Amino acid sequence: MCLAIPGKIIQIDSDIDDIFRVAKVSFNGIVKQVNLAMVPEAKTGSYVLVHVGSAISIVDEAEAKTTMDILLMQMGDLNELDVAG
């Protein structure tokens, strides 16, 4: 199983050509460099699903926010299990 996390493209840093692009993507305020080769239509402001440093698809804002909320809730549940032992 793989995990893809939604983030918002805040800046396209490198535009070598139409395919090989690198962007800064924000994941609830945490900014990472992401390869955009698999989503050539992505632009600043787009929400993308990111797996292992590469954007694998574009999603709409509502889907991105819902997915992130679910992930954060599940992480909170895991933290509670760790504390409860």
N, C-alpha and C. Protein backbone atom coordinates (compact mmCIF):
# COMPACT_ATOMS: atom_id res chain seq x y z
N MET A 1 0.85 -1.17 0.00
CA MET A 1 0.00 0.00 0.00
C MET A 1 0.89 1.23 0.00
N CYS A 2 0.49 2.24 -0.74
CA CYS A 2 1.25 3.48 -0.75
C CYS A 2 0.36 4.61 -0.24
N LEU A 3 1.01 5.66 0.18
CA LEU A 3 0.31 6.80 0.73
C LEU A 3 0.66 8.04 -0.07
N ALA A 4 -0.35 8.74 -0.53
CA ALA A 4 -0.16 10.02 -1.22
C ALA A 4 -0.83 11.09 -0.38
N ILE A 5 -0.16 12.20 -0.22
CA ILE A 5 -0.64 13.28 0.64
C ILE A 5 -0.94 14.50 -0.23
N PRO A 6 -2.10 15.15 0.00
CA PRO A 6 -2.44 16.32 -0.80
C PRO A 6 -1.70 17.57 -0.34
N GLY A 7 -1.33 18.39 -1.30
CA GLY A 7 -0.68 19.67 -1.00
C GLY A 7 -1.00 20.67 -2.08
N LYS A 8 -0.71 21.94 -1.79
CA LYS A 8 -1.01 23.02 -2.72
C LYS A 8 0.28 23.57 -3.31
N ILE A 9 0.34 23.67 -4.64
CA ILE A 9 1.51 24.24 -5.30
C ILE A 9 1.53 25.74 -5.02
N ILE A 10 2.60 26.20 -4.37
CA ILE A 10 2.70 27.62 -4.06
C ILE A 10 3.67 28.35 -4.98
N GLN A 11 4.55 27.59 -5.63
CA GLN A 11 5.51 28.21 -6.54
C GLN A 11 6.14 27.15 -7.41
N ILE A 12 6.23 27.42 -8.70
CA ILE A 12 6.97 26.53 -9.60
C ILE A 12 8.37 27.11 -9.73
N ASP A 13 9.34 26.38 -9.18
CA ASP A 13 10.72 26.87 -9.09
C ASP A 13 11.52 26.66 -10.35
N SER A 14 11.41 25.49 -10.91
CA SER A 14 12.27 25.12 -12.02
C SER A 14 11.40 24.67 -13.17
N ASP A 15 11.63 25.25 -14.32
CA ASP A 15 10.83 24.95 -15.50
C ASP A 15 11.79 24.64 -16.64
N ILE A 16 12.46 23.47 -16.54
CA ILE A 16 13.46 23.08 -17.54
C ILE A 16 12.79 22.99 -18.92
N ASP A 17 11.62 22.36 -18.97
CA ASP A 17 10.81 22.32 -20.18
C ASP A 17 9.38 22.02 -19.75
N ASP A 18 8.50 21.67 -20.68
CA ASP A 18 7.10 21.43 -20.33
C ASP A 18 6.89 20.21 -19.44
N ILE A 19 7.86 19.29 -19.41
CA ILE A 19 7.70 18.06 -18.64
C ILE A 19 8.45 18.12 -17.31
N PHE A 20 9.71 18.52 -17.33
CA PHE A 20 10.54 18.46 -16.12
C PHE A 20 10.44 19.76 -15.34
N ARG A 21 9.49 19.76 -14.38
CA ARG A 21 9.29 20.94 -13.55
C ARG A 21 9.35 20.53 -12.08
N VAL A 22 9.81 21.45 -11.26
CA VAL A 22 9.88 21.25 -9.82
C VAL A 22 9.14 22.41 -9.16
N ALA A 23 8.37 22.10 -8.12
CA ALA A 23 7.58 23.12 -7.45
C ALA A 23 7.73 23.04 -5.94
N LYS A 24 7.42 24.15 -5.28
CA LYS A 24 7.27 24.16 -3.83
C LYS A 24 5.80 23.87 -3.55
N VAL A 25 5.56 22.85 -2.73
CA VAL A 25 4.20 22.44 -2.39
C VAL A 25 4.04 22.54 -0.88
N SER A 26 2.93 23.15 -0.47
CA SER A 26 2.64 23.31 0.95
C SER A 26 1.68 22.23 1.42
N PHE A 27 2.08 21.56 2.49
CA PHE A 27 1.26 20.55 3.15
C PHE A 27 0.89 21.11 4.53
N ASN A 28 -0.21 21.87 4.57
CA ASN A 28 -0.62 22.54 5.82
C ASN A 28 0.51 23.35 6.44
N GLY A 29 1.26 24.08 5.60
CA GLY A 29 2.32 24.94 6.09
C GLY A 29 3.72 24.37 6.01
N ILE A 30 3.84 23.07 5.83
CA ILE A 30 5.15 22.44 5.64
C ILE A 30 5.43 22.43 4.14
N VAL A 31 6.51 23.08 3.72
CA VAL A 31 6.79 23.24 2.29
C VAL A 31 7.91 22.28 1.86
N LYS A 32 7.66 21.57 0.78
CA LYS A 32 8.62 20.61 0.24
C LYS A 32 8.74 20.80 -1.26
N GLN A 33 9.90 20.40 -1.81
CA GLN A 33 10.12 20.38 -3.25
C GLN A 33 9.45 19.14 -3.83
N VAL A 34 8.73 19.30 -4.93
CA VAL A 34 8.00 18.19 -5.53
C VAL A 34 8.22 18.20 -7.05
N ASN A 35 8.42 17.02 -7.61
CA ASN A 35 8.56 16.84 -9.05
C ASN A 35 7.17 16.84 -9.69
N LEU A 36 6.99 17.62 -10.75
CA LEU A 36 5.69 17.73 -11.42
C LEU A 36 5.63 16.99 -12.76
N ALA A 37 6.59 16.14 -13.06
CA ALA A 37 6.66 15.49 -14.37
C ALA A 37 5.40 14.69 -14.71
N MET A 38 4.74 14.10 -13.72
CA MET A 38 3.56 13.28 -13.99
C MET A 38 2.28 14.09 -14.12
N VAL A 39 2.34 15.39 -13.80
CA VAL A 39 1.16 16.25 -13.89
C VAL A 39 1.51 17.53 -14.65
N PRO A 40 1.76 17.41 -15.96
CA PRO A 40 2.22 18.56 -16.73
C PRO A 40 1.22 19.72 -16.75
N GLU A 41 -0.04 19.45 -16.48
CA GLU A 41 -1.06 20.50 -16.50
C GLU A 41 -1.14 21.27 -15.18
N ALA A 42 -0.41 20.84 -14.15
CA ALA A 42 -0.44 21.50 -12.83
C ALA A 42 0.16 22.90 -12.94
N LYS A 43 -0.42 23.81 -12.16
CA LYS A 43 0.07 25.18 -12.13
C LYS A 43 0.01 25.70 -10.70
N THR A 44 0.59 26.87 -10.48
CA THR A 44 0.55 27.47 -9.15
C THR A 44 -0.90 27.59 -8.71
N GLY A 45 -1.18 27.14 -7.47
CA GLY A 45 -2.53 27.14 -6.94
C GLY A 45 -3.23 25.80 -7.05
N SER A 46 -2.71 24.90 -7.89
CA SER A 46 -3.30 23.56 -8.02
C SER A 46 -3.03 22.74 -6.76
N TYR A 47 -3.96 21.84 -6.46
CA TYR A 47 -3.76 20.86 -5.39
C TYR A 47 -3.36 19.55 -6.04
N VAL A 48 -2.33 18.93 -5.51
CA VAL A 48 -1.82 17.69 -6.07
C VAL A 48 -1.67 16.63 -4.99
N LEU A 49 -1.78 15.37 -5.39
CA LEU A 49 -1.46 14.26 -4.50
C LEU A 49 0.00 13.92 -4.72
N VAL A 50 0.77 13.85 -3.63
CA VAL A 50 2.21 13.65 -3.72
C VAL A 50 2.59 12.32 -3.06
N HIS A 51 3.36 11.53 -3.81
CA HIS A 51 3.87 10.26 -3.30
C HIS A 51 5.38 10.22 -3.57
N VAL A 52 6.15 10.06 -2.54
CA VAL A 52 7.60 9.94 -2.61
C VAL A 52 8.22 11.09 -3.44
N GLY A 53 7.77 12.29 -3.18
CA GLY A 53 8.36 13.46 -3.80
C GLY A 53 7.90 13.80 -5.20
N SER A 54 6.92 13.03 -5.71
CA SER A 54 6.38 13.31 -7.04
C SER A 54 4.88 13.49 -6.97
N ALA A 55 4.39 14.53 -7.64
CA ALA A 55 2.94 14.72 -7.75
C ALA A 55 2.43 13.67 -8.71
N ILE A 56 1.39 12.93 -8.30
CA ILE A 56 0.88 11.85 -9.15
C ILE A 56 -0.48 12.16 -9.74
N SER A 57 -1.18 13.16 -9.20
CA SER A 57 -2.46 13.57 -9.79
C SER A 57 -2.86 14.92 -9.22
N ILE A 58 -3.77 15.56 -9.93
CA ILE A 58 -4.34 16.82 -9.47
C ILE A 58 -5.69 16.50 -8.84
N VAL A 59 -6.00 17.14 -7.72
CA VAL A 59 -7.29 16.97 -7.05
C VAL A 59 -7.89 18.35 -6.80
N ASP A 60 -9.20 18.37 -6.58
CA ASP A 60 -9.79 19.67 -6.28
C ASP A 60 -9.56 20.03 -4.81
N GLU A 61 -9.75 21.29 -4.50
CA GLU A 61 -9.44 21.81 -3.16
C GLU A 61 -10.24 21.09 -2.07
N ALA A 62 -11.52 20.86 -2.31
CA ALA A 62 -12.36 20.21 -1.30
C ALA A 62 -11.86 18.80 -0.99
N GLU A 63 -11.53 18.04 -2.04
CA GLU A 63 -11.01 16.69 -1.85
C GLU A 63 -9.68 16.71 -1.09
N ALA A 64 -8.82 17.66 -1.45
CA ALA A 64 -7.52 17.78 -0.78
C ALA A 64 -7.70 18.06 0.71
N LYS A 65 -8.58 19.00 1.03
CA LYS A 65 -8.80 19.36 2.44
C LYS A 65 -9.44 18.21 3.22
N THR A 66 -10.40 17.53 2.62
CA THR A 66 -11.03 16.40 3.29
C THR A 66 -10.02 15.29 3.56
N THR A 67 -9.20 14.98 2.57
CA THR A 67 -8.18 13.94 2.72
C THR A 67 -7.19 14.31 3.82
N MET A 68 -6.73 15.56 3.83
CA MET A 68 -5.77 16.00 4.85
C MET A 68 -6.40 15.94 6.24
N ASP A 69 -7.67 16.35 6.36
CA ASP A 69 -8.35 16.29 7.66
C ASP A 69 -8.43 14.84 8.16
N ILE A 70 -8.76 13.91 7.28
CA ILE A 70 -8.85 12.50 7.67
C ILE A 70 -7.48 11.99 8.09
N LEU A 71 -6.43 12.32 7.33
CA LEU A 71 -5.07 11.89 7.69
C LEU A 71 -4.67 12.42 9.05
N LEU A 72 -4.94 13.69 9.30
CA LEU A 72 -4.58 14.28 10.58
C LEU A 72 -5.35 13.65 11.73
N MET A 73 -6.64 13.34 11.51
CA MET A 73 -7.42 12.68 12.55
C MET A 73 -6.85 11.30 12.85
N GLN A 74 -6.51 10.55 11.80
CA GLN A 74 -5.97 9.21 11.99
C GLN A 74 -4.62 9.26 12.70
N MET A 75 -3.80 10.27 12.38
CA MET A 75 -2.52 10.40 13.07
C MET A 75 -2.75 10.71 14.54
N GLY A 76 -3.76 11.52 14.83
CA GLY A 76 -4.09 11.81 16.22
C GLY A 76 -4.54 10.56 16.96
N ASP A 77 -5.32 9.72 16.28
CA ASP A 77 -5.75 8.46 16.88
C ASP A 77 -4.56 7.56 17.18
N LEU A 78 -3.58 7.53 16.26
CA LEU A 78 -2.38 6.72 16.49
C LEU A 78 -1.58 7.25 17.67
N ASN A 79 -1.49 8.57 17.79
CA ASN A 79 -0.77 9.15 18.93
C ASN A 79 -1.45 8.79 20.24
N GLU A 80 -2.79 8.78 20.24
CA GLU A 80 -3.51 8.41 21.46
C GLU A 80 -3.25 6.95 21.82
N LEU A 81 -3.16 6.08 20.81
CA LEU A 81 -2.85 4.67 21.06
C LEU A 81 -1.44 4.52 21.63
N ASP A 82 -0.48 5.28 21.11
CA ASP A 82 0.89 5.23 21.61
C ASP A 82 0.94 5.64 23.08
N VAL A 83 0.21 6.68 23.43
CA VAL A 83 0.20 7.17 24.82
C VAL A 83 -0.48 6.16 25.73
N ALA A 84 -1.58 5.56 25.23
CA ALA A 84 -2.31 4.60 26.04
C ALA A 84 -1.54 3.30 26.23
N GLY A 85 -0.61 3.06 25.30
CA GLY A 85 0.29 1.94 25.40
C GLY A 85 -0.26 0.63 25.04
